[in-house]
Amino acid sequence: MPQPNLSTQRARNLALALLAMTQFVVVIDASIVNVALPSIGKALDFSQADLSWVVNSYTLTFGGFLLLGGRLADYLGRRRVFMIGMALFALASLAGGFAQNETWLITARAIQGLGAAIASPAALSIITTTFPEGQERNKALGIWGAVAGAGGAAGVLLGGVLTQWAGWEWVLFVNVPIGAFIVWQAPKRLAESTSAEETDRTLDLPGAVTVSAGLALAVYAMVEATKVGWSSDQTIWSLVGAVALLSAFVIIELRTKKPLIPFSIFRLRTLRGANIVGILIGMSLFSMFFMITLYLQQVLGDDALEAGVSYLPLAIAIILSAGVSSALVTRVGFKNVLIVGMLFVAGGLVWFAQIQPGGSYAVDVLGPSILAGIGLGASFVPVTIAAVTGTEPHEAGLASGLINTSQQVGGALGLAILASIANSSTSDAFKTGADKATALTQGFADAFTVGAWFALAGAILAAFLISSRDSRAHSEAARSGEAIPVAV
């Protein structure tokens, strides 16, 4: 395929728009089906126990295969892998919309997650190889962070609208024309790139299998723990299996000549710190969307559409905050912006913990939504910039896959922990004679409180684990107009 000319700002902006559109549909698909679950269960005669797998099957393959997807982009060509991932995502969405039973739909959702895991890190690595490090990349990653952060909120809104007005099938069908458009435009807007250093295209298959299986099993253990319990045999053996697979992966990587993940990349202090903080961002925020949705519908009595519309202020706050944060990173460095962002998130979750069983959207949800949204936008952008700062061109896909994986695994872990806390608190409240609204609200409030501690831990660890020198150097180079060119 011919290479498009990306020498003009307009051409790079069009490329960024296409990549941001991809990230938006990938992120919303983790949440868009949530409000459609009752309709899906009724239409396909799902058992209540299996209904959660409409969401979990996507999360499982998405979280499990991100590292492999990122490395394939480095090996086989970022644009090529990106297009394969989006084509798979769109076809699985089409199949899911036509599902006639629960096995069909869960399988389609799992393949959707696989497509997303291939496309998402490839898209982020294309950004890092298209935009030179500095102010221009900061702006691009600001837009990326805005759509990534707003995607969770927008998914609930779009899911409510489509379910109420068109039917549950359209929460899947909507991806098909978008995916087709992206695959059609990719050769026209995106340059193909692989690392010039990667002359040997041999894929570390044992490493790919063990890390993907290990991550997928870990995510499975965490999402199922809320139902079967953390001390159950299923959870314990699943976690033991995940640890064994990931340990085998480490041994394989240390012995192979062409490892899937060269551990030398972890010598970068800022990359290590960004991924640890990324886990805590996922732990504190992914479950927030889940808890808010349940509070709106189960306590305040909102329907699917009303719950979706309630997320608009949160989504707007994320988008505006991400735009401002990308400029602030240039002025004061990604470390300072990340710390402040995590403190805003902690403040928003503490505010959410004050919810009342007889409350209202205006009093109990609107204010903390805006505060948490500001924090989310101000966290996603700098942590992504930090995670790819200082990496070599041939590591772009790997670094992108790592930060995506950290956030997804953190999200699964956080949701498992906070849902367990909420369920336990609700059960205890019922035992004291509390009514349903009071018991549920107590559970959500306790979960929000623990989530705030996760966010505060993220702010503290960002202060200690992310290099201030890297942050200052990045901001000084961006302010002076210097850029580190990225080879493709």
Protein backbone atom coordinates (compact mmCIF):
# COMPACT_ATOMS: atom_id res chain seq x y z
CA MET A 1 0.00 0.00 0.00
CA PRO A 2 1.26 3.54 -0.73
CA GLN A 3 2.43 5.66 2.18
CA PRO A 4 0.38 8.83 2.84
CA ASN A 5 2.22 12.12 3.22
CA LEU A 6 2.08 13.13 6.88
CA SER A 7 4.36 16.15 6.58
CA THR A 8 1.51 18.66 7.03
CA GLN A 9 -0.31 19.42 10.27
CA ARG A 10 -3.68 18.79 8.59
CA ALA A 11 -2.63 15.28 7.52
CA ARG A 12 -1.42 14.44 11.02
CA ASN A 13 -4.63 15.83 12.53
CA LEU A 14 -6.74 13.62 10.26
CA ALA A 15 -4.63 10.63 11.27
CA LEU A 16 -5.15 11.51 14.92
CA ALA A 17 -8.92 11.84 14.43
CA LEU A 18 -9.04 8.32 12.97
CA LEU A 19 -6.98 6.87 15.82
CA ALA A 20 -9.01 8.70 18.48
CA MET A 21 -12.22 7.37 16.90
CA THR A 22 -10.79 3.86 17.25
CA GLN A 23 -9.96 4.28 20.91
CA PHE A 24 -13.41 5.73 21.56
CA VAL A 25 -15.30 2.71 20.18
CA VAL A 26 -12.90 0.27 21.87
CA VAL A 27 -13.38 1.91 25.28
CA ILE A 28 -17.15 2.41 25.07
CA ASP A 29 -17.65 -1.26 24.25
CA ALA A 30 -16.57 -2.19 27.77
CA SER A 31 -19.53 -0.22 29.17
CA ILE A 32 -22.09 0.24 26.37
CA VAL A 33 -23.75 -3.13 27.03
CA ASN A 34 -24.20 -2.53 30.78
CA VAL A 35 -27.56 -0.77 30.56
CA ALA A 36 -28.68 -3.20 27.84
CA LEU A 37 -28.12 -6.29 30.01
CA PRO A 38 -31.76 -6.63 31.19
CA SER A 39 -32.98 -6.46 27.58
CA ILE A 40 -30.32 -8.93 26.41
CA GLY A 41 -31.17 -11.35 29.23
CA LYS A 42 -34.86 -11.28 28.34
CA ALA A 43 -34.33 -11.59 24.56
CA LEU A 44 -31.81 -14.44 24.66
CA ASP A 45 -33.08 -16.17 27.80
CA PHE A 46 -29.84 -15.69 29.73
CA SER A 47 -29.47 -17.11 33.20
CA GLN A 48 -28.77 -14.38 35.76
CA ALA A 49 -25.41 -15.96 36.60
CA ASP A 50 -24.25 -15.92 32.97
CA LEU A 51 -25.46 -12.42 32.12
CA SER A 52 -22.34 -10.75 33.54
CA TRP A 53 -20.26 -12.65 30.96
CA VAL A 54 -21.61 -10.37 28.24
CA VAL A 55 -19.32 -7.77 29.84
CA ASN A 56 -16.65 -10.04 31.30
CA SER A 57 -15.89 -11.97 28.09
CA TYR A 58 -14.89 -8.68 26.42
CA THR A 59 -12.83 -7.55 29.42
CA LEU A 60 -11.11 -10.94 29.64
CA THR A 61 -9.71 -11.06 26.10
CA PHE A 62 -9.08 -7.32 25.96
CA GLY A 63 -6.97 -7.37 29.12
CA GLY A 64 -5.32 -10.69 28.32
CA PHE A 65 -4.07 -9.96 24.79
CA LEU A 66 -3.00 -6.28 24.97
CA LEU A 67 0.70 -7.06 25.40
CA LEU A 68 0.64 -9.45 22.47
CA GLY A 69 -1.23 -6.90 20.36
CA GLY A 70 1.31 -4.20 21.14
CA ARG A 71 4.26 -6.40 20.28
CA LEU A 72 2.68 -7.65 17.05
CA ALA A 73 2.43 -4.01 15.97
CA ASP A 74 6.20 -3.60 16.44
CA TYR A 75 6.96 -6.84 14.60
CA LEU A 76 4.47 -6.91 11.72
CA GLY A 77 3.71 -3.26 11.01
CA ARG A 78 1.60 -0.90 13.11
CA ARG A 79 -0.91 0.05 10.43
CA ARG A 80 -1.35 -3.53 9.25
CA VAL A 81 -1.98 -4.85 12.76
CA PHE A 82 -4.25 -1.90 13.53
CA MET A 83 -6.41 -2.68 10.48
CA ILE A 84 -6.56 -6.40 11.31
CA GLY A 85 -7.67 -5.61 14.86
CA MET A 86 -10.39 -3.19 13.75
CA ALA A 87 -11.69 -5.55 11.05
CA LEU A 88 -11.94 -8.36 13.63
CA PHE A 89 -13.66 -6.00 16.08
CA ALA A 90 -16.26 -4.89 13.50
CA LEU A 91 -17.00 -8.43 12.28
CA ALA A 92 -17.42 -9.70 15.84
CA SER A 93 -19.78 -6.79 16.56
CA LEU A 94 -21.87 -7.75 13.53
CA ALA A 95 -21.99 -11.39 14.64
CA GLY A 96 -22.91 -10.35 18.18
CA GLY A 97 -25.84 -8.25 16.98
CA PHE A 98 -27.28 -11.30 15.22
CA ALA A 99 -26.78 -13.58 18.26
CA GLN A 100 -29.56 -16.12 18.86
CA ASN A 101 -28.36 -17.53 22.18
CA GLU A 102 -26.04 -16.77 25.08
CA THR A 103 -23.10 -18.87 23.84
CA TRP A 104 -23.16 -17.09 20.48
CA LEU A 105 -23.18 -13.62 22.07
CA ILE A 106 -20.50 -14.36 24.68
CA THR A 107 -18.22 -15.82 21.99
CA ALA A 108 -18.73 -12.76 19.78
CA ARG A 109 -17.97 -10.45 22.69
CA ALA A 110 -14.75 -12.37 23.43
CA ILE A 111 -13.63 -12.00 19.80
CA GLN A 112 -14.54 -8.30 20.00
CA GLY A 113 -12.19 -7.98 22.97
CA LEU A 114 -9.43 -9.74 21.02
CA GLY A 115 -9.85 -7.31 18.12
CA ALA A 116 -9.74 -4.37 20.52
CA ALA A 117 -6.59 -5.75 22.20
CA ILE A 118 -4.88 -5.90 18.80
CA ALA A 119 -6.06 -2.48 17.57
CA SER A 120 -5.73 -0.30 20.69
CA PRO A 121 -1.97 -0.56 21.44
CA ALA A 122 -1.24 -0.39 17.70
CA ALA A 123 -3.19 2.88 17.52
CA LEU A 124 -1.35 4.38 20.50
CA SER A 125 2.03 3.33 19.09
CA ILE A 126 1.12 4.97 15.75
CA ILE A 127 0.55 8.23 17.66
CA THR A 128 3.96 7.99 19.31
CA THR A 129 5.65 7.34 15.96
CA THR A 130 3.64 9.98 14.04
CA PHE A 131 3.97 12.89 16.47
CA PRO A 132 7.45 13.92 17.68
CA GLU A 133 8.03 13.88 21.43
CA GLY A 134 7.25 17.26 22.97
CA GLN A 135 4.41 19.72 22.67
CA GLU A 136 2.88 18.20 19.53
CA ARG A 137 2.74 14.71 21.02
CA ASN A 138 1.37 16.13 24.28
CA LYS A 139 -1.56 17.67 22.40
CA ALA A 140 -2.17 14.44 20.50
CA LEU A 141 -2.10 12.37 23.68
CA GLY A 142 -4.37 14.94 25.32
CA ILE A 143 -7.00 14.18 22.69
CA TRP A 144 -6.32 10.44 23.08
CA GLY A 145 -6.72 10.72 26.84
CA ALA A 146 -9.94 12.70 26.47
CA VAL A 147 -11.65 10.09 24.31
CA ALA A 148 -10.25 7.21 26.39
CA GLY A 149 -11.49 8.76 29.61
CA ALA A 150 -14.84 9.94 28.24
CA GLY A 151 -15.47 6.59 26.53
CA GLY A 152 -16.62 4.89 29.71
CA ALA A 153 -19.16 7.61 30.45
CA ALA A 154 -20.24 7.93 26.83
CA GLY A 155 -20.75 4.17 26.62
CA VAL A 156 -23.39 4.28 29.33
CA LEU A 157 -25.13 7.23 27.63
CA LEU A 158 -25.04 5.69 24.15
CA GLY A 159 -26.08 2.29 25.49
CA GLY A 160 -29.11 3.82 27.17
CA VAL A 161 -30.18 5.73 24.04
CA LEU A 162 -29.73 2.77 21.68
CA THR A 163 -31.37 0.23 24.00
CA GLN A 164 -34.40 2.42 24.60
CA TRP A 165 -34.92 3.67 21.04
CA ALA A 166 -33.50 0.97 18.73
CA GLY A 167 -33.07 -2.29 20.65
CA TRP A 168 -30.17 -4.01 22.38
CA GLU A 169 -28.72 -5.32 19.09
CA TRP A 170 -27.72 -1.79 18.14
CA VAL A 171 -25.22 -1.47 20.97
CA LEU A 172 -23.23 -3.92 18.82
CA PHE A 173 -24.35 -2.99 15.31
CA VAL A 174 -23.24 0.63 15.85
CA ASN A 175 -19.60 -0.54 15.73
CA VAL A 176 -19.89 -2.02 12.24
CA PRO A 177 -20.06 1.15 10.09
CA ILE A 178 -17.52 2.88 12.33
CA GLY A 179 -15.11 -0.05 12.08
CA ALA A 180 -15.58 -0.31 8.31
CA PHE A 181 -14.90 3.41 7.91
CA ILE A 182 -11.71 3.19 10.00
CA VAL A 183 -10.36 0.21 8.02
CA TRP A 184 -11.18 1.98 4.74
CA GLN A 185 -9.47 5.22 5.79
CA ALA A 186 -6.41 3.72 7.49
CA PRO A 187 -4.27 3.25 4.33
CA LYS A 188 -5.11 6.83 3.28
CA ARG A 189 -4.39 8.48 6.63
CA LEU A 190 -1.82 6.35 8.47
CA ALA A 191 1.77 5.55 7.54
CA GLU A 192 2.94 1.96 7.84
CA SER A 193 5.74 1.63 10.32
CA THR A 194 7.86 -1.06 11.89
CA SER A 195 11.12 -0.66 13.69
CA ALA A 196 14.14 -0.61 11.41
CA GLU A 197 15.94 -2.48 14.18
CA GLU A 198 13.52 -5.42 14.04
CA THR A 199 15.13 -7.32 11.19
CA ASP A 200 14.19 -10.68 12.70
CA ARG A 201 10.39 -11.02 12.64
CA THR A 202 10.36 -14.26 14.64
CA LEU A 203 7.57 -14.14 17.19
CA ASP A 204 8.25 -15.47 20.67
CA LEU A 205 5.29 -17.87 20.56
CA PRO A 206 5.86 -19.56 23.98
CA GLY A 207 6.13 -16.13 25.58
CA ALA A 208 3.03 -14.88 23.77
CA VAL A 209 0.97 -17.90 24.86
CA THR A 210 2.05 -17.85 28.51
CA VAL A 211 1.64 -14.09 29.08
CA SER A 212 -1.72 -13.92 27.30
CA ALA A 213 -3.06 -17.00 29.11
CA GLY A 214 -1.68 -15.79 32.44
CA LEU A 215 -3.22 -12.32 32.16
CA ALA A 216 -6.53 -13.70 30.91
CA LEU A 217 -6.69 -16.20 33.80
CA ALA A 218 -5.85 -13.44 36.30
CA VAL A 219 -8.64 -11.23 34.93
CA TYR A 220 -11.02 -14.21 35.00
CA ALA A 221 -10.19 -14.92 38.64
CA MET A 222 -10.85 -11.30 39.58
CA VAL A 223 -14.13 -10.84 37.74
CA GLU A 224 -15.49 -14.14 39.10
CA ALA A 225 -14.31 -13.48 42.66
CA THR A 226 -17.26 -11.16 43.28
CA LYS A 227 -19.63 -14.09 42.71
CA VAL A 228 -17.81 -17.09 44.14
CA GLY A 229 -15.76 -15.32 46.84
CA TRP A 230 -12.06 -14.55 47.22
CA SER A 231 -11.48 -17.59 49.44
CA SER A 232 -13.23 -20.05 47.13
CA ASP A 233 -11.31 -22.90 45.53
CA GLN A 234 -12.11 -21.51 42.08
CA THR A 235 -10.58 -18.11 42.82
CA ILE A 236 -7.53 -19.50 44.62
CA TRP A 237 -6.68 -22.06 41.93
CA SER A 238 -7.29 -19.56 39.14
CA LEU A 239 -4.88 -17.11 40.75
CA VAL A 240 -2.34 -19.89 41.37
CA GLY A 241 -2.61 -20.86 37.70
CA ALA A 242 -2.16 -17.24 36.62
CA VAL A 243 0.94 -16.84 38.79
CA ALA A 244 2.38 -20.10 37.42
CA LEU A 245 1.82 -19.02 33.80
CA LEU A 246 3.28 -15.55 34.37
CA SER A 247 6.27 -17.09 36.18
CA ALA A 248 6.82 -19.40 33.21
CA PHE A 249 6.63 -16.35 30.96
CA VAL A 250 9.40 -14.61 32.92
CA ILE A 251 11.63 -17.70 32.67
CA ILE A 252 10.98 -17.97 28.92
CA GLU A 253 11.76 -14.28 28.35
CA LEU A 254 15.05 -14.50 30.25
CA ARG A 255 16.18 -17.45 28.13
CA THR A 256 15.04 -16.56 24.61
CA LYS A 257 17.13 -14.53 22.18
CA LYS A 258 14.15 -12.58 20.81
CA PRO A 259 11.82 -12.08 23.79
CA LEU A 260 8.29 -10.83 23.39
CA ILE A 261 9.01 -8.33 26.17
CA PRO A 262 12.68 -7.34 26.63
CA PHE A 263 12.87 -6.69 30.38
CA SER A 264 15.46 -4.00 29.70
CA ILE A 265 12.52 -1.64 29.06
CA PHE A 266 11.78 -1.70 32.80
CA ARG A 267 15.09 0.02 33.46
CA LEU A 268 13.21 3.23 32.62
CA ARG A 269 12.14 4.55 36.02
CA THR A 270 9.35 6.72 34.63
CA LEU A 271 7.87 3.86 32.61
CA ARG A 272 7.86 1.62 35.71
CA GLY A 273 6.21 4.31 37.81
CA ALA A 274 3.63 5.18 35.16
CA ASN A 275 2.50 1.56 34.89
CA ILE A 276 2.17 1.15 38.65
CA VAL A 277 0.13 4.34 38.85
CA GLY A 278 -1.86 3.14 35.81
CA ILE A 279 -2.94 0.08 37.80
CA LEU A 280 -4.23 2.34 40.60
CA ILE A 281 -6.03 4.60 38.12
CA GLY A 282 -7.85 1.53 36.85
CA MET A 283 -8.58 0.29 40.38
CA SER A 284 -10.07 3.60 41.50
CA LEU A 285 -11.98 4.67 38.41
CA PHE A 286 -13.29 1.74 36.39
CA SER A 287 -15.45 0.59 39.28
CA MET A 288 -16.70 4.16 39.77
CA PHE A 289 -18.74 3.95 36.57
CA PHE A 290 -20.20 0.62 37.69
CA MET A 291 -21.19 1.88 41.15
CA ILE A 292 -22.69 5.15 39.90
CA THR A 293 -24.84 3.30 37.37
CA LEU A 294 -26.18 0.96 40.04
CA TYR A 295 -26.89 3.84 42.44
CA LEU A 296 -28.76 5.77 39.75
CA GLN A 297 -30.89 2.80 38.72
CA GLN A 298 -31.32 0.78 41.92
CA VAL A 299 -31.58 3.60 44.48
CA LEU A 300 -32.68 6.72 42.60
CA GLY A 301 -34.89 4.71 40.22
CA ASP A 302 -33.57 6.03 36.90
CA ASP A 303 -34.28 4.09 33.72
CA ALA A 304 -31.54 3.22 31.20
CA LEU A 305 -31.85 6.47 29.26
CA GLU A 306 -31.95 8.68 32.36
CA ALA A 307 -28.89 6.93 33.80
CA GLY A 308 -27.05 7.41 30.50
CA VAL A 309 -27.87 11.13 30.26
CA SER A 310 -26.69 11.58 33.85
CA TYR A 311 -23.15 10.83 32.64
CA LEU A 312 -23.00 13.84 30.30
CA PRO A 313 -21.43 16.26 32.83
CA LEU A 314 -18.82 13.63 33.73
CA ALA A 315 -17.92 13.05 30.07
CA ILE A 316 -17.71 16.80 29.38
CA ALA A 317 -15.50 17.33 32.45
CA ILE A 318 -13.13 14.59 31.26
CA ILE A 319 -12.84 16.03 27.75
CA LEU A 320 -12.22 19.61 28.94
CA SER A 321 -9.79 18.48 31.64
CA ALA A 322 -7.78 16.35 29.21
CA GLY A 323 -7.39 19.31 26.86
CA VAL A 324 -6.18 21.57 29.65
CA SER A 325 -3.92 18.85 31.05
CA SER A 326 -2.06 18.36 27.77
CA ALA A 327 -1.13 22.07 27.86
CA LEU A 328 -0.21 21.90 31.57
CA VAL A 329 2.11 18.95 30.95
CA THR A 330 4.09 21.19 28.60
CA ARG A 331 4.28 23.94 31.23
CA VAL A 332 4.83 22.09 34.52
CA GLY A 333 5.65 18.48 33.55
CA PHE A 334 3.64 15.27 33.50
CA LYS A 335 4.52 14.30 37.09
CA ASN A 336 2.92 17.36 38.71
CA VAL A 337 -0.22 17.12 36.58
CA LEU A 338 -0.60 13.42 37.36
CA ILE A 339 -0.31 13.95 41.12
CA VAL A 340 -2.91 16.73 41.08
CA GLY A 341 -5.20 14.65 38.85
CA MET A 342 -5.11 11.69 41.24
CA LEU A 343 -5.86 13.99 44.18
CA PHE A 344 -8.92 15.31 42.30
CA VAL A 345 -10.03 11.72 41.72
CA ALA A 346 -9.62 10.95 45.42
CA GLY A 347 -11.64 14.07 46.31
CA GLY A 348 -14.41 13.09 43.89
CA LEU A 349 -14.65 9.59 45.34
CA VAL A 350 -14.73 10.91 48.93
CA TRP A 351 -17.59 13.17 47.86
CA PHE A 352 -19.36 10.22 46.22
CA ALA A 353 -19.05 8.34 49.53
CA GLN A 354 -21.49 10.85 51.05
CA ILE A 355 -24.43 9.57 48.93
CA GLN A 356 -27.77 9.20 50.68
CA PRO A 357 -30.55 6.62 50.14
CA GLY A 358 -33.10 9.41 49.76
CA GLY A 359 -30.77 11.59 47.74
CA SER A 360 -30.99 13.15 44.31
CA TYR A 361 -28.85 13.43 41.21
CA ALA A 362 -28.24 17.15 41.70
CA VAL A 363 -27.10 16.76 45.31
CA ASP A 364 -25.36 13.36 45.38
CA VAL A 365 -24.02 12.75 41.87
CA LEU A 366 -23.52 15.92 39.81
CA GLY A 367 -20.82 17.62 41.90
CA PRO A 368 -18.60 14.60 42.55
CA SER A 369 -19.02 13.52 38.90
CA ILE A 370 -17.52 16.79 37.72
CA LEU A 371 -14.70 16.66 40.28
CA ALA A 372 -13.84 13.04 39.44
CA GLY A 373 -14.10 13.82 35.71
CA ILE A 374 -11.55 16.63 36.07
CA GLY A 375 -9.26 14.24 37.90
CA LEU A 376 -9.73 11.50 35.33
CA GLY A 377 -8.83 13.76 32.41
CA ALA A 378 -5.85 15.10 34.36
CA SER A 379 -4.64 11.55 35.13
CA PHE A 380 -5.07 9.71 31.83
CA VAL A 381 -3.09 12.24 29.78
CA PRO A 382 0.10 12.54 31.89
CA VAL A 383 0.26 8.83 32.77
CA THR A 384 0.12 7.94 29.06
CA ILE A 385 2.79 10.52 28.21
CA ALA A 386 4.97 9.25 31.06
CA ALA A 387 4.51 5.63 29.96
CA VAL A 388 5.96 6.27 26.48
CA THR A 389 8.52 8.94 27.36
CA GLY A 390 12.09 7.90 26.68
CA THR A 391 11.23 4.65 24.91
CA GLU A 392 12.96 3.67 21.67
CA PRO A 393 10.94 3.59 18.41
CA HIS A 394 11.04 -0.22 18.30
CA GLU A 395 9.46 -0.29 21.77
CA ALA A 396 6.47 1.93 20.92
CA GLY A 397 3.97 -0.92 20.63
CA LEU A 398 5.33 -2.63 23.74
CA ALA A 399 5.10 0.54 25.85
CA SER A 400 1.57 1.17 24.56
CA GLY A 401 0.51 -2.39 25.35
CA LEU A 402 2.01 -2.15 28.84
CA ILE A 403 0.11 0.97 29.94
CA ASN A 404 -3.14 -0.33 28.44
CA THR A 405 -2.65 -3.65 30.24
CA SER A 406 -1.88 -1.94 33.54
CA GLN A 407 -5.11 0.05 33.41
CA GLN A 408 -7.25 -2.90 32.30
CA VAL A 409 -5.86 -5.31 34.90
CA GLY A 410 -6.16 -2.58 37.53
CA GLY A 411 -9.76 -2.03 36.48
CA ALA A 412 -10.62 -5.71 36.82
CA LEU A 413 -8.87 -5.94 40.20
CA GLY A 414 -10.48 -2.74 41.50
CA LEU A 415 -13.95 -3.77 40.40
CA ALA A 416 -13.55 -7.19 42.03
CA ILE A 417 -12.36 -5.68 45.32
CA LEU A 418 -14.86 -2.81 45.47
CA ALA A 419 -17.82 -4.94 44.37
CA SER A 420 -16.95 -7.43 47.13
CA ILE A 421 -16.80 -4.60 49.66
CA ALA A 422 -20.12 -3.16 48.45
CA ASN A 423 -21.82 -6.57 48.57
CA SER A 424 -20.47 -7.32 52.06
CA SER A 425 -21.53 -3.93 53.44
CA THR A 426 -24.98 -4.26 51.89
CA SER A 427 -25.38 -7.74 53.37
CA ASP A 428 -24.34 -6.47 56.82
CA ALA A 429 -26.79 -3.57 56.55
CA PHE A 430 -29.64 -5.95 55.70
CA LYS A 431 -28.82 -7.97 58.83
CA THR A 432 -29.34 -4.85 60.96
CA GLY A 433 -32.81 -4.36 59.49
CA ALA A 434 -32.01 -1.66 56.92
CA ASP A 435 -34.30 -1.27 53.93
CA LYS A 436 -33.07 -2.01 50.40
CA ALA A 437 -32.19 1.58 49.42
CA THR A 438 -30.30 2.18 52.67
CA ALA A 439 -28.41 -1.11 52.49
CA LEU A 440 -27.38 -0.61 48.85
CA THR A 441 -26.31 2.97 49.48
CA GLN A 442 -24.16 1.91 52.44
CA GLY A 443 -22.41 -0.65 50.23
CA PHE A 444 -21.75 1.86 47.45
CA ALA A 445 -20.49 4.47 49.94
CA ASP A 446 -18.00 2.05 51.49
CA ALA A 447 -16.76 1.05 48.03
CA PHE A 448 -16.27 4.70 47.04
CA THR A 449 -14.28 5.29 50.24
CA VAL A 450 -11.86 2.46 49.46
CA GLY A 451 -11.63 3.69 45.86
CA ALA A 452 -10.56 7.09 47.20
CA TRP A 453 -7.72 5.39 49.09
CA PHE A 454 -6.59 3.72 45.84
CA ALA A 455 -6.50 7.15 44.15
CA LEU A 456 -4.60 8.71 47.05
CA ALA A 457 -2.08 5.85 46.89
CA GLY A 458 -1.70 6.59 43.18
CA ALA A 459 -0.87 10.24 43.91
CA ILE A 460 1.69 9.28 46.58
CA LEU A 461 3.36 6.64 44.38
CA ALA A 462 3.48 9.06 41.43
CA ALA A 463 5.41 11.47 43.64
CA PHE A 464 8.01 8.82 44.53
CA LEU A 465 8.18 6.50 41.52
CA ILE A 466 8.11 8.88 38.54
CA SER A 467 11.32 10.73 37.76
CA SER A 468 11.12 14.48 38.37
CA ARG A 469 14.14 14.89 36.10
CA ASP A 470 12.37 13.13 33.22
CA SER A 471 9.29 15.26 33.80
CA ARG A 472 11.27 18.54 33.81
CA ALA A 473 13.32 17.56 30.76
CA HIS A 474 10.17 16.65 28.85
CA SER A 475 8.47 19.94 29.70
CA GLU A 476 11.57 22.08 28.98
CA ALA A 477 12.03 20.45 25.58
CA ALA A 478 8.36 20.97 24.75
CA ARG A 479 8.39 24.65 25.82
CA SER A 480 11.53 25.41 23.84
CA GLY A 481 10.06 23.80 20.76
CA GLU A 482 12.62 21.01 20.74
CA ALA A 483 11.39 17.60 19.72
CA ILE A 484 13.01 14.23 19.70
CA PRO A 485 12.28 12.85 16.24
CA VAL A 486 10.89 9.36 16.20
CA ALA A 487 12.10 6.93 13.54
CA VAL A 488 9.50 4.77 11.83
